[in-house]
Amino acid sequence: MHIFMSIASIMIYICLSLSSLLSYLFIKKKTRASKPRAKLPPGPMGWPYVGETLKLYSQDPNVFFATKQLRYGEIFKTHILGCPCVMLASPEAARFMLVTHAHLFKPTYPKSKERLIGPSALFFHQGEYHTQLRKLVKGSLSPETVRKLIPDIESIAMSALESWAHGHTINTFHEMKKLSFQVGILSIFGVLDSNYREKLNENYHIMNKGYNCFPTKIPGTAYQKALLARKRLNQIVGEIICERKEKKMAEKDLLGRLLKFKDENGQILTEDQIADNIIGVLFAAHDTTAAALTWILKYLHENRTLLEAVKAEQMAIREANIRGNKSLTWTQTRNMPLTFRLQVVLESLRMASIIAFVYREAIIDVQYKGYLIPKGWKVMPLLRNIHHNSEFFPHPHIFDPSRFEVGSSGISRWDSIWAIPSASTGTTSQILARSNQPVGRLELD
């Protein structure tokens, strides 16, 4: 009898436990059902694996994204470059991702692009590693460093101007790329042997050509050639590092700072980490700087009053330097009326929108305006679409630097422009901005 009572007690306990568990699950399910579940943003994902990448490359990317925005609104999804993506097309959405909720997203690029730049580049990381290297890069742009570079940069710029002064037609963007690359190499390596410069230039441009191509390793394709060129760039940087160590050269350029870097545990950077960050900084600044200079020249050429004002400012400096026989000084670069110059630069960047979008990745599931951005998905604010939104920039297709004047109605829209480079990526552009005296000698006819 005692045994039967024990069994009965156990059965009752099991039944009560199961009843409690089932009640809990039922209540939880009802609670979930009563809450509105966030849904994915609208938009097709395309074909398996390739998504809509082929469709993107088969037309103007601006048309591709603008068409989707017109159909689906300020937030929509797609699948490009091997990644599911959520696209954001309003200043409010961009601010949500880049400012107010930036901690929910990490900087990232598609793996195809990360392989070319290098996985150790600082803008692929967060936390202490990113913070320390970003500080190091900014340190390489200290006033003392830039002051020492100004004569060399002026020499590079004047040599470029002389090469254009033979009456032949030039491709402005290509020439600006040459100029910005030389300044970038100078700021990273200091005065470098011409053999190294030529090797870096040749392989960098092969890599750059394949950067936006379809990511396939099929022999002969632009992307596969870019991967091979990237390996050669690592080898070249390794040779430069080896030479510096053998000669015990202690330079204060970016490479020198990377070589001297130690973290809180005394750990130094590997050669691969150094190469990744060098290529990353050069890549981030090179094309964007060249494009910015090209568009600024174009808009100045089309606005003769502005051009004459800039030329007058620069010619006054040249006259003060005995008609160019003396070098540009640090003080002169600091005494240019930056408020006027900043308006021209900002409006040029807005009009051109050189950086059409940036990559981020959601580190957790994120909800925005009732839509779900799943963890691990790429998120891309469409900066070009934002900069050409008439709600924030009246008559967006008209070049009007006055919209950025202090006290103008446009000043409240500063939070709608996202074209200004960060300190971690603007090495070349920041240095060139401090040494643009030759602009006054360039006649755009």
Protein backbone atom coordinates (compact mmCIF):
# COMPACT_ATOMS: atom_id res chain seq x y z
CA MET A 1 0.00 0.00 0.00
CA HIS A 2 2.84 2.36 0.87
CA ILE A 3 4.42 1.76 -2.54
CA PHE A 4 1.18 2.59 -4.36
CA MET A 5 0.81 5.82 -2.37
CA SER A 6 4.36 6.84 -3.29
CA ILE A 7 3.71 6.17 -6.97
CA ALA A 8 0.48 8.15 -6.78
CA SER A 9 2.31 11.09 -5.18
CA ILE A 10 4.93 11.04 -7.92
CA MET A 11 2.25 10.94 -10.63
CA ILE A 12 0.43 13.87 -9.04
CA TYR A 13 3.71 15.85 -8.87
CA ILE A 14 4.46 15.12 -12.53
CA CYS A 15 0.96 16.13 -13.58
CA LEU A 16 1.17 19.39 -11.64
CA SER A 17 4.60 20.16 -13.12
CA LEU A 18 3.41 19.47 -16.67
CA SER A 19 0.30 21.54 -16.07
CA SER A 20 2.37 24.49 -14.84
CA LEU A 21 4.77 24.20 -17.76
CA LEU A 22 1.98 24.01 -20.34
CA SER A 23 0.21 26.97 -18.73
CA TYR A 24 3.44 29.02 -18.86
CA LEU A 25 4.02 28.17 -22.52
CA PHE A 26 0.41 28.98 -23.40
CA ILE A 27 0.52 32.34 -21.62
CA LYS A 28 3.89 33.18 -23.23
CA LYS A 29 2.55 32.34 -26.68
CA LYS A 30 -0.55 34.47 -26.12
CA THR A 31 1.60 37.36 -24.88
CA ARG A 32 3.79 37.15 -27.98
CA ALA A 33 0.77 36.95 -30.22
CA SER A 34 -0.74 40.03 -28.57
CA LYS A 35 2.39 42.10 -29.29
CA PRO A 36 2.83 43.46 -32.83
CA ARG A 37 5.88 41.73 -34.30
CA ALA A 38 8.32 43.83 -36.29
CA LYS A 39 8.54 42.83 -39.92
CA LEU A 40 11.36 43.05 -42.41
CA PRO A 41 11.44 46.18 -44.58
CA PRO A 42 9.83 45.84 -48.02
CA GLY A 43 11.79 44.93 -51.13
CA PRO A 44 12.91 41.82 -53.05
CA MET A 45 16.08 39.85 -52.24
CA GLY A 46 16.78 38.69 -55.80
CA TRP A 47 18.40 35.41 -56.75
CA PRO A 48 20.02 32.99 -54.27
CA TYR A 49 23.60 34.00 -53.37
CA VAL A 50 23.97 36.74 -56.00
CA GLY A 51 20.84 38.57 -54.85
CA GLU A 52 20.42 41.76 -56.88
CA THR A 53 24.15 42.34 -57.42
CA LEU A 54 23.98 41.75 -61.18
CA LYS A 55 21.03 44.12 -61.44
CA LEU A 56 22.97 46.74 -59.47
CA TYR A 57 26.00 46.49 -61.78
CA SER A 58 23.89 46.47 -64.95
CA GLN A 59 22.72 50.07 -64.41
CA ASP A 60 23.61 53.34 -62.74
CA PRO A 61 23.66 52.59 -58.97
CA ASN A 62 21.95 55.93 -58.32
CA VAL A 63 19.05 54.89 -60.55
CA PHE A 64 18.94 51.44 -58.91
CA PHE A 65 18.58 52.89 -55.40
CA ALA A 66 16.40 55.87 -56.37
CA THR A 67 13.91 53.55 -58.09
CA LYS A 68 13.67 51.39 -54.99
CA GLN A 69 13.28 54.41 -52.72
CA LEU A 70 10.46 55.74 -54.90
CA ARG A 71 8.67 52.40 -54.68
CA TYR A 72 9.33 51.32 -51.09
CA GLY A 73 10.06 54.53 -49.16
CA GLU A 74 12.88 55.57 -46.83
CA ILE A 75 13.70 52.03 -45.65
CA PHE A 76 13.86 48.91 -47.80
CA LYS A 77 15.81 45.68 -48.09
CA THR A 78 17.85 44.05 -50.84
CA HIS A 79 20.70 41.56 -51.26
CA ILE A 80 23.90 42.86 -52.89
CA LEU A 81 27.58 41.90 -52.86
CA GLY A 82 26.79 38.64 -51.09
CA CYS A 83 25.02 40.28 -48.12
CA PRO A 84 21.42 40.94 -47.06
CA CYS A 85 21.13 44.72 -46.66
CA VAL A 86 18.74 47.32 -45.29
CA MET A 87 18.93 50.67 -47.07
CA LEU A 88 18.10 53.96 -45.29
CA ALA A 89 17.18 57.00 -47.37
CA SER A 90 16.37 59.85 -44.97
CA PRO A 91 18.44 62.13 -42.70
CA GLU A 92 16.43 60.90 -39.70
CA ALA A 93 17.25 57.26 -40.48
CA ALA A 94 20.92 58.07 -41.13
CA ARG A 95 21.14 59.92 -37.80
CA PHE A 96 19.51 56.95 -36.04
CA MET A 97 22.20 54.63 -37.38
CA LEU A 98 25.26 56.89 -37.36
CA VAL A 99 24.65 59.01 -34.24
CA THR A 100 21.86 58.31 -31.77
CA HIS A 101 22.02 54.50 -31.99
CA ALA A 102 25.53 54.09 -33.38
CA HIS A 103 26.34 51.59 -30.61
CA LEU A 104 23.92 49.11 -32.21
CA PHE A 105 25.92 49.02 -35.44
CA LYS A 106 29.54 48.32 -36.24
CA PRO A 107 31.52 49.59 -39.23
CA THR A 108 31.83 46.86 -41.82
CA TYR A 109 32.30 46.18 -45.48
CA PRO A 110 31.33 43.18 -47.59
CA LYS A 111 33.87 40.37 -47.23
CA SER A 112 34.89 40.84 -50.86
CA LYS A 113 36.01 44.40 -50.10
CA GLU A 114 37.45 43.57 -46.68
CA ARG A 115 39.74 40.98 -48.31
CA LEU A 116 41.18 43.67 -50.58
CA ILE A 117 41.72 46.38 -47.98
CA GLY A 118 42.80 44.01 -45.21
CA PRO A 119 40.89 42.64 -42.19
CA SER A 120 43.08 44.49 -39.66
CA ALA A 121 42.31 47.97 -41.04
CA LEU A 122 41.07 50.12 -38.17
CA PHE A 123 37.67 50.92 -39.67
CA PHE A 124 36.69 47.23 -39.62
CA HIS A 125 37.01 47.20 -35.83
CA GLN A 126 35.48 48.60 -32.66
CA GLY A 127 36.76 48.89 -29.13
CA GLU A 128 40.28 49.53 -27.89
CA TYR A 129 42.07 48.45 -31.09
CA HIS A 130 40.07 50.94 -33.17
CA THR A 131 40.42 53.73 -30.60
CA GLN A 132 44.20 53.37 -30.28
CA LEU A 133 44.87 53.19 -34.02
CA ARG A 134 42.50 56.04 -34.79
CA LYS A 135 44.38 58.17 -32.27
CA LEU A 136 47.66 57.12 -33.89
CA VAL A 137 46.43 58.10 -37.37
CA LYS A 138 45.24 61.48 -36.08
CA GLY A 139 48.64 61.92 -34.43
CA SER A 140 50.32 61.55 -37.82
CA LEU A 141 48.39 64.70 -38.84
CA SER A 142 49.59 66.84 -35.96
CA PRO A 143 50.43 70.48 -36.79
CA GLU A 144 54.12 69.72 -36.38
CA THR A 145 53.99 66.87 -38.90
CA VAL A 146 51.90 68.75 -41.46
CA ARG A 147 54.10 71.86 -41.11
CA LYS A 148 57.13 69.82 -42.15
CA LEU A 149 55.28 68.33 -45.13
CA ILE A 150 54.06 71.60 -46.65
CA PRO A 151 57.18 72.36 -48.77
CA ASP A 152 57.17 68.83 -50.22
CA ILE A 153 53.43 68.96 -50.92
CA GLU A 154 53.80 72.35 -52.58
CA SER A 155 56.59 70.91 -54.72
CA ILE A 156 54.37 67.99 -55.77
CA ALA A 157 51.51 70.36 -56.63
CA MET A 158 53.72 72.76 -58.60
CA SER A 159 55.26 69.88 -60.56
CA ALA A 160 51.76 68.71 -61.44
CA LEU A 161 50.78 72.21 -62.61
CA GLU A 162 53.88 72.47 -64.78
CA SER A 163 53.09 69.11 -66.40
CA TRP A 164 49.63 70.43 -67.33
CA ALA A 165 50.91 73.72 -68.79
CA HIS A 166 51.69 72.46 -72.29
CA GLY A 167 48.38 73.21 -73.97
CA HIS A 168 47.21 69.59 -74.16
CA THR A 169 43.93 68.22 -72.81
CA ILE A 170 44.11 66.44 -69.48
CA ASN A 171 41.71 64.21 -67.57
CA THR A 172 41.24 66.20 -64.37
CA PHE A 173 40.15 63.25 -62.22
CA HIS A 174 43.11 61.12 -63.31
CA GLU A 175 45.51 63.98 -62.59
CA MET A 176 43.94 64.60 -59.17
CA LYS A 177 44.33 60.87 -58.43
CA LYS A 178 48.04 61.10 -59.23
CA LEU A 179 48.38 64.18 -57.04
CA SER A 180 46.47 62.75 -54.06
CA PHE A 181 48.32 59.42 -54.33
CA GLN A 182 51.70 61.16 -54.17
CA VAL A 183 50.63 63.21 -51.16
CA GLY A 184 49.19 60.10 -49.51
CA ILE A 185 52.46 58.21 -49.99
CA LEU A 186 54.37 61.20 -48.60
CA SER A 187 52.21 61.39 -45.47
CA ILE A 188 52.44 57.62 -44.86
CA PHE A 189 56.07 56.86 -45.78
CA GLY A 190 57.76 60.25 -45.88
CA VAL A 191 60.26 60.74 -48.71
CA LEU A 192 60.29 57.30 -50.35
CA ASP A 193 62.63 55.78 -52.93
CA SER A 194 61.18 56.18 -56.44
CA ASN A 195 61.37 52.41 -57.06
CA TYR A 196 59.07 51.75 -54.12
CA ARG A 197 56.73 54.57 -55.18
CA GLU A 198 56.36 53.11 -58.67
CA LYS A 199 55.68 49.60 -57.34
CA LEU A 200 53.13 50.88 -54.85
CA ASN A 201 51.44 52.99 -57.51
CA GLU A 202 51.24 50.16 -60.06
CA ASN A 203 49.83 47.54 -57.70
CA TYR A 204 47.56 49.90 -55.81
CA HIS A 205 45.81 50.93 -59.02
CA ILE A 206 45.34 47.30 -60.10
CA MET A 207 43.76 46.62 -56.72
CA ASN A 208 41.64 49.76 -56.95
CA LYS A 209 40.28 48.78 -60.37
CA GLY A 210 38.96 45.50 -58.98
CA TYR A 211 37.47 46.95 -55.81
CA ASN A 212 33.98 47.54 -57.19
CA CYS A 213 33.96 44.61 -59.60
CA PHE A 214 31.95 41.42 -59.15
CA PRO A 215 33.80 39.38 -56.48
CA THR A 216 34.94 36.21 -58.22
CA LYS A 217 38.30 34.44 -58.11
CA ILE A 218 38.07 33.25 -61.72
CA PRO A 219 41.54 33.81 -63.28
CA GLY A 220 41.76 36.90 -65.44
CA THR A 221 38.91 38.79 -63.80
CA ALA A 222 39.49 42.26 -62.38
CA TYR A 223 38.73 41.10 -58.84
CA GLN A 224 41.17 38.18 -59.01
CA LYS A 225 43.87 40.50 -60.38
CA ALA A 226 43.12 42.88 -57.50
CA LEU A 227 43.64 40.09 -54.95
CA LEU A 228 47.04 39.27 -56.46
CA ALA A 229 48.02 42.95 -56.48
CA ARG A 230 46.99 43.22 -52.83
CA LYS A 231 49.38 40.38 -51.94
CA ARG A 232 52.18 42.18 -53.76
CA LEU A 233 51.40 45.36 -51.83
CA ASN A 234 51.91 43.44 -48.59
CA GLN A 235 55.29 42.28 -49.86
CA ILE A 236 56.33 45.81 -50.86
CA VAL A 237 55.34 47.25 -47.47
CA GLY A 238 57.24 44.38 -45.85
CA GLU A 239 60.37 45.32 -47.81
CA ILE A 240 60.07 48.97 -46.75
CA ILE A 241 59.64 47.93 -43.11
CA CYS A 242 62.66 45.61 -43.33
CA GLU A 243 64.79 48.41 -44.81
CA ARG A 244 63.76 50.82 -42.05
CA LYS A 245 64.63 48.31 -39.36
CA GLU A 246 68.02 47.54 -40.92
CA LYS A 247 68.89 51.22 -41.20
CA LYS A 248 67.36 51.94 -37.77
CA MET A 249 65.32 54.79 -39.24
CA ALA A 250 63.04 56.47 -36.67
CA GLU A 251 60.63 58.54 -38.76
CA LYS A 252 57.56 60.39 -37.46
CA ASP A 253 55.36 59.56 -40.44
CA LEU A 254 52.43 57.14 -40.22
CA LEU A 255 54.58 54.07 -40.89
CA GLY A 256 57.01 55.14 -38.17
CA ARG A 257 54.18 55.52 -35.69
CA LEU A 258 52.74 52.12 -36.60
CA LEU A 259 56.14 50.50 -36.12
CA LYS A 260 56.54 52.07 -32.67
CA PHE A 261 53.01 51.25 -31.53
CA LYS A 262 52.52 49.03 -28.47
CA ASP A 263 49.24 48.25 -26.75
CA GLU A 264 48.70 48.18 -22.98
CA ASN A 265 50.21 44.68 -22.87
CA GLY A 266 53.33 45.71 -24.77
CA GLN A 267 52.15 43.93 -27.93
CA ILE A 268 53.40 45.41 -31.20
CA LEU A 269 51.62 45.30 -34.56
CA THR A 270 52.42 42.54 -37.03
CA GLU A 271 53.57 43.44 -40.53
CA ASP A 272 50.19 42.30 -41.89
CA GLN A 273 48.39 44.62 -39.45
CA ILE A 274 50.64 47.51 -40.45
CA ALA A 275 50.09 46.82 -44.16
CA ASP A 276 46.31 46.57 -43.70
CA ASN A 277 46.16 49.93 -41.94
CA ILE A 278 48.45 51.63 -44.45
CA ILE A 279 46.40 50.37 -47.41
CA GLY A 280 43.21 51.20 -45.51
CA VAL A 281 44.20 54.82 -44.88
CA LEU A 282 45.49 55.25 -48.43
CA PHE A 283 42.35 53.71 -49.90
CA ALA A 284 40.00 55.76 -47.71
CA ALA A 285 41.64 59.04 -48.69
CA HIS A 286 42.87 58.49 -52.25
CA ASP A 287 39.83 58.32 -54.53
CA THR A 288 37.62 60.47 -52.32
CA THR A 289 40.23 63.23 -52.17
CA ALA A 290 40.78 63.12 -55.93
CA ALA A 291 37.05 63.18 -56.58
CA ALA A 292 36.52 66.06 -54.13
CA LEU A 293 39.27 68.15 -55.76
CA THR A 294 37.86 67.41 -59.22
CA TRP A 295 34.32 68.46 -58.31
CA ILE A 296 35.51 71.57 -56.48
CA LEU A 297 37.43 72.64 -59.60
CA LYS A 298 34.39 71.92 -61.77
CA TYR A 299 32.00 73.95 -59.63
CA LEU A 300 34.49 76.81 -59.30
CA HIS A 301 34.94 76.84 -63.07
CA GLU A 302 31.18 77.10 -63.52
CA ASN A 303 30.93 79.89 -60.93
CA ARG A 304 33.39 82.53 -62.09
CA THR A 305 32.76 84.94 -59.21
CA LEU A 306 33.72 82.29 -56.69
CA LEU A 307 36.70 81.25 -58.79
CA GLU A 308 38.00 84.82 -59.01
CA ALA A 309 37.67 85.24 -55.23
CA VAL A 310 39.66 82.06 -54.58
CA LYS A 311 42.30 83.04 -57.15
CA ALA A 312 42.63 86.52 -55.64
CA GLU A 313 43.19 85.04 -52.21
CA GLN A 314 45.84 82.65 -53.49
CA MET A 315 47.57 85.21 -55.71
CA ALA A 316 47.88 87.56 -52.72
CA ILE A 317 49.76 84.82 -50.88
CA ARG A 318 51.95 84.20 -53.92
CA GLU A 319 52.83 87.90 -54.17
CA ALA A 320 53.69 87.93 -50.47
CA ASN A 321 56.09 85.08 -51.19
CA ILE A 322 57.94 87.16 -53.80
CA ARG A 323 55.94 85.78 -56.74
CA GLY A 324 56.35 82.19 -55.69
CA ASN A 325 60.09 82.23 -55.01
CA LYS A 326 59.47 81.52 -51.33
CA SER A 327 57.67 78.44 -50.09
CA LEU A 328 54.20 78.45 -48.65
CA THR A 329 54.29 78.69 -44.86
CA TRP A 330 52.23 77.04 -42.16
CA THR A 331 51.04 80.46 -40.95
CA GLN A 332 49.72 81.31 -44.42
CA THR A 333 47.70 78.10 -44.61
CA ARG A 334 46.20 78.95 -41.22
CA ASN A 335 45.26 82.49 -42.25
CA MET A 336 43.10 81.62 -45.24
CA PRO A 337 39.43 82.60 -44.74
CA LEU A 338 38.23 79.10 -43.98
CA THR A 339 34.60 80.16 -43.51
CA PHE A 340 34.34 81.02 -47.21
CA ARG A 341 36.41 78.03 -48.27
CA LEU A 342 34.37 75.68 -46.09
CA GLN A 343 31.13 76.77 -47.75
CA VAL A 344 32.52 75.96 -51.19
CA VAL A 345 33.88 72.60 -50.06
CA LEU A 346 30.69 71.57 -48.25
CA GLU A 347 28.45 72.51 -51.15
CA SER A 348 30.76 70.69 -53.60
CA LEU A 349 30.64 67.58 -51.41
CA ARG A 350 26.86 67.81 -51.13
CA MET A 351 26.36 68.25 -54.85
CA ALA A 352 28.77 65.49 -55.86
CA SER A 353 28.02 63.16 -52.91
CA ILE A 354 31.27 61.33 -53.54
CA ILE A 355 30.55 58.83 -50.77
CA ALA A 356 27.19 57.49 -51.92
CA PHE A 357 26.72 55.26 -48.87
CA VAL A 358 28.59 53.71 -45.95
CA TYR A 359 28.50 50.17 -44.57
CA ARG A 360 27.45 49.21 -41.07
CA GLU A 361 26.35 45.89 -39.55
CA ALA A 362 23.66 45.39 -36.91
CA ILE A 363 25.23 43.76 -33.84
CA ILE A 364 21.79 42.86 -32.41
CA ASP A 365 18.23 42.78 -33.75
CA VAL A 366 17.25 46.45 -34.17
CA GLN A 367 13.78 47.91 -34.63
CA TYR A 368 13.26 51.14 -36.54
CA LYS A 369 9.82 52.57 -37.33
CA GLY A 370 8.16 49.18 -36.96
CA TYR A 371 10.69 47.36 -39.14
CA LEU A 372 13.19 44.75 -38.04
CA ILE A 373 16.86 45.05 -38.95
CA PRO A 374 18.15 41.53 -38.15
CA LYS A 375 21.42 40.96 -36.36
CA GLY A 376 24.26 40.47 -38.86
CA TRP A 377 22.56 42.31 -41.72
CA LYS A 378 24.37 45.17 -43.45
CA VAL A 379 22.82 48.62 -43.10
CA MET A 380 23.59 51.35 -45.63
CA PRO A 381 22.37 54.97 -45.45
CA LEU A 382 22.01 56.34 -48.98
CA LEU A 383 23.90 59.61 -48.53
CA ARG A 384 23.53 60.75 -52.13
CA ASN A 385 19.74 60.45 -51.93
CA ILE A 386 19.75 62.41 -48.66
CA HIS A 387 21.93 65.21 -50.04
CA HIS A 388 19.61 65.67 -53.02
CA ASN A 389 16.41 65.72 -50.98
CA SER A 390 14.64 69.03 -51.66
CA GLU A 391 12.98 68.90 -48.24
CA PHE A 392 16.37 69.50 -46.64
CA PHE A 393 18.23 71.28 -49.43
CA PRO A 394 15.95 73.56 -51.50
CA HIS A 395 16.75 73.44 -55.21
CA PRO A 396 19.23 70.58 -54.57
CA HIS A 397 20.62 70.54 -58.12
CA ILE A 398 21.80 74.17 -57.93
CA PHE A 399 25.33 74.88 -56.65
CA ASP A 400 24.79 77.39 -53.84
CA PRO A 401 27.54 77.65 -51.16
CA SER A 402 25.52 80.34 -49.36
CA ARG A 403 23.20 77.64 -48.01
CA PHE A 404 25.99 76.90 -45.50
CA GLU A 405 26.52 80.51 -44.40
CA VAL A 406 26.17 81.15 -40.68
CA GLY A 407 22.74 82.61 -40.08
CA SER A 408 21.26 81.33 -43.35
CA SER A 409 18.22 79.09 -43.42
CA GLY A 410 20.47 76.27 -44.56
CA ILE A 411 22.57 76.23 -41.40
CA SER A 412 19.87 74.22 -39.63
CA ARG A 413 20.37 71.52 -42.26
CA TRP A 414 23.99 70.80 -41.33
CA ASP A 415 22.75 67.64 -39.66
CA SER A 416 21.55 66.49 -43.08
CA ILE A 417 24.97 66.45 -44.75
CA TRP A 418 27.13 63.39 -44.21
CA ALA A 419 29.89 63.97 -46.78
CA ILE A 420 32.57 65.25 -44.39
CA PRO A 421 35.40 62.67 -44.01
CA SER A 422 36.28 61.40 -40.57
CA ALA A 423 39.70 61.84 -39.02
CA SER A 424 40.44 58.15 -39.50
CA THR A 425 40.01 58.34 -43.26
CA GLY A 426 40.91 61.88 -44.26
CA THR A 427 44.70 61.88 -44.18
CA THR A 428 45.35 63.04 -47.74
CA SER A 429 42.38 65.39 -47.94
CA GLN A 430 43.25 67.14 -44.68
CA ILE A 431 46.86 67.68 -45.70
CA LEU A 432 45.93 68.93 -49.17
CA ALA A 433 43.39 71.29 -47.63
CA ARG A 434 46.23 73.00 -45.78
CA SER A 435 48.45 73.48 -48.81
CA ASN A 436 46.34 74.47 -51.83
CA GLN A 437 48.21 77.63 -52.85
CA PRO A 438 48.63 76.45 -56.47
CA VAL A 439 44.87 76.72 -57.05
CA GLY A 440 45.35 80.39 -57.72
CA ARG A 441 47.62 79.62 -60.66
CA LEU A 442 45.28 77.17 -62.39
CA GLU A 443 43.22 78.73 -65.18
CA LEU A 444 40.23 76.54 -66.05
CA ASP A 445 39.56 77.30 -69.70
